[in-house]
Amino acid sequence: MAWPDIDLTTLVTTLDSTASEIAAHQRDSTVQRKDLAQKTKDFRKLDDASKLSEIKGLLKGKQHLVPQLFKGA
């Protein structure tokens, strides 16, 4: 492919769009990680009886987040 064959206007538009999607994904994953970290801290402070009822939700959150973090890797 030669330089004259490259449509720079379309390429720049496509790259800008991709960069925006990546930035949005990074923001979302950061918010989700911080939320899960806070839930984990709160979970550690619970008594044993409360932990039994809360563990399911915490594990589901971790199971949902981990594949998302590594999907793009």
Protein backbone atom coordinates (compact mmCIF):
# COMPACT_ATOMS: atom_id res chain seq x y z
CA MET A 1 0.00 0.00 0.00
CA ALA A 2 1.42 3.34 -1.03
CA TRP A 3 1.00 6.63 0.78
CA PRO A 4 -1.38 8.11 -1.81
CA ASP A 5 -3.69 5.12 -1.34
CA ILE A 6 -4.26 5.83 2.35
CA ASP A 7 -7.35 7.86 3.19
CA LEU A 8 -6.01 9.83 6.15
CA THR A 9 -9.32 11.53 6.93
CA THR A 10 -11.10 8.21 7.39
CA LEU A 11 -8.15 6.73 9.25
CA VAL A 12 -8.01 9.62 11.73
CA THR A 13 -11.77 9.40 12.30
CA THR A 14 -11.54 5.65 12.91
CA LEU A 15 -8.59 6.02 15.27
CA ASP A 16 -10.33 8.80 17.22
CA SER A 17 -13.39 6.63 17.62
CA THR A 18 -11.31 3.66 18.77
CA ALA A 19 -9.39 5.83 21.23
CA SER A 20 -12.66 7.13 22.69
CA GLU A 21 -13.96 3.57 23.13
CA ILE A 22 -10.73 2.51 24.85
CA ALA A 23 -10.83 5.50 27.20
CA ALA A 24 -14.48 4.81 28.08
CA HIS A 25 -13.68 1.15 28.76
CA GLN A 26 -10.76 2.13 30.99
CA ARG A 27 -12.94 4.55 32.98
CA ASP A 28 -15.68 1.93 33.39
CA SER A 29 -13.28 -0.77 34.51
CA THR A 30 -11.60 1.58 36.99
CA VAL A 31 -14.97 2.46 38.52
CA GLN A 32 -15.94 -1.22 38.70
CA ARG A 33 -12.62 -2.20 40.29
CA LYS A 34 -12.90 0.55 42.91
CA ASP A 35 -16.48 -0.44 43.68
CA LEU A 36 -15.51 -4.08 44.07
CA ALA A 37 -12.54 -3.13 46.25
CA GLN A 38 -14.85 -1.14 48.53
CA LYS A 39 -17.32 -4.03 48.71
CA THR A 40 -14.45 -6.35 49.63
CA LYS A 41 -13.32 -3.99 52.42
CA ASP A 42 -16.87 -3.76 53.72
CA PHE A 43 -17.20 -7.55 53.56
CA ARG A 44 -14.10 -8.05 55.70
CA LYS A 45 -15.65 -5.91 58.44
CA LEU A 46 -18.82 -8.02 58.67
CA ASP A 47 -19.42 -10.63 61.34
CA ASP A 48 -19.37 -14.30 60.34
CA ALA A 49 -23.15 -14.63 60.07
CA SER A 50 -23.40 -11.65 57.73
CA LYS A 51 -20.48 -12.89 55.65
CA LEU A 52 -22.38 -16.07 54.83
CA SER A 53 -25.22 -14.09 53.28
CA GLU A 54 -22.99 -11.55 51.50
CA ILE A 55 -20.37 -13.89 50.02
CA LYS A 56 -22.49 -14.88 47.02
CA GLY A 57 -22.87 -11.31 45.77
CA LEU A 58 -19.19 -10.55 46.28
CA LEU A 59 -18.09 -13.65 44.39
CA LYS A 60 -20.46 -12.90 41.52
CA GLY A 61 -18.99 -9.41 41.29
CA LYS A 62 -15.46 -10.80 41.11
CA GLN A 63 -16.45 -13.48 38.59
CA HIS A 64 -18.01 -10.82 36.39
CA LEU A 65 -15.14 -8.33 36.63
CA VAL A 66 -12.10 -10.58 36.13
CA PRO A 67 -12.97 -11.77 32.60
CA GLN A 68 -13.76 -8.19 31.59
CA LEU A 69 -10.36 -7.01 32.76
CA PHE A 70 -8.51 -9.67 30.78
CA LYS A 71 -10.76 -9.76 27.71
CA GLY A 72 -8.76 -7.05 25.95
CA ALA A 73 -5.36 -8.24 27.12
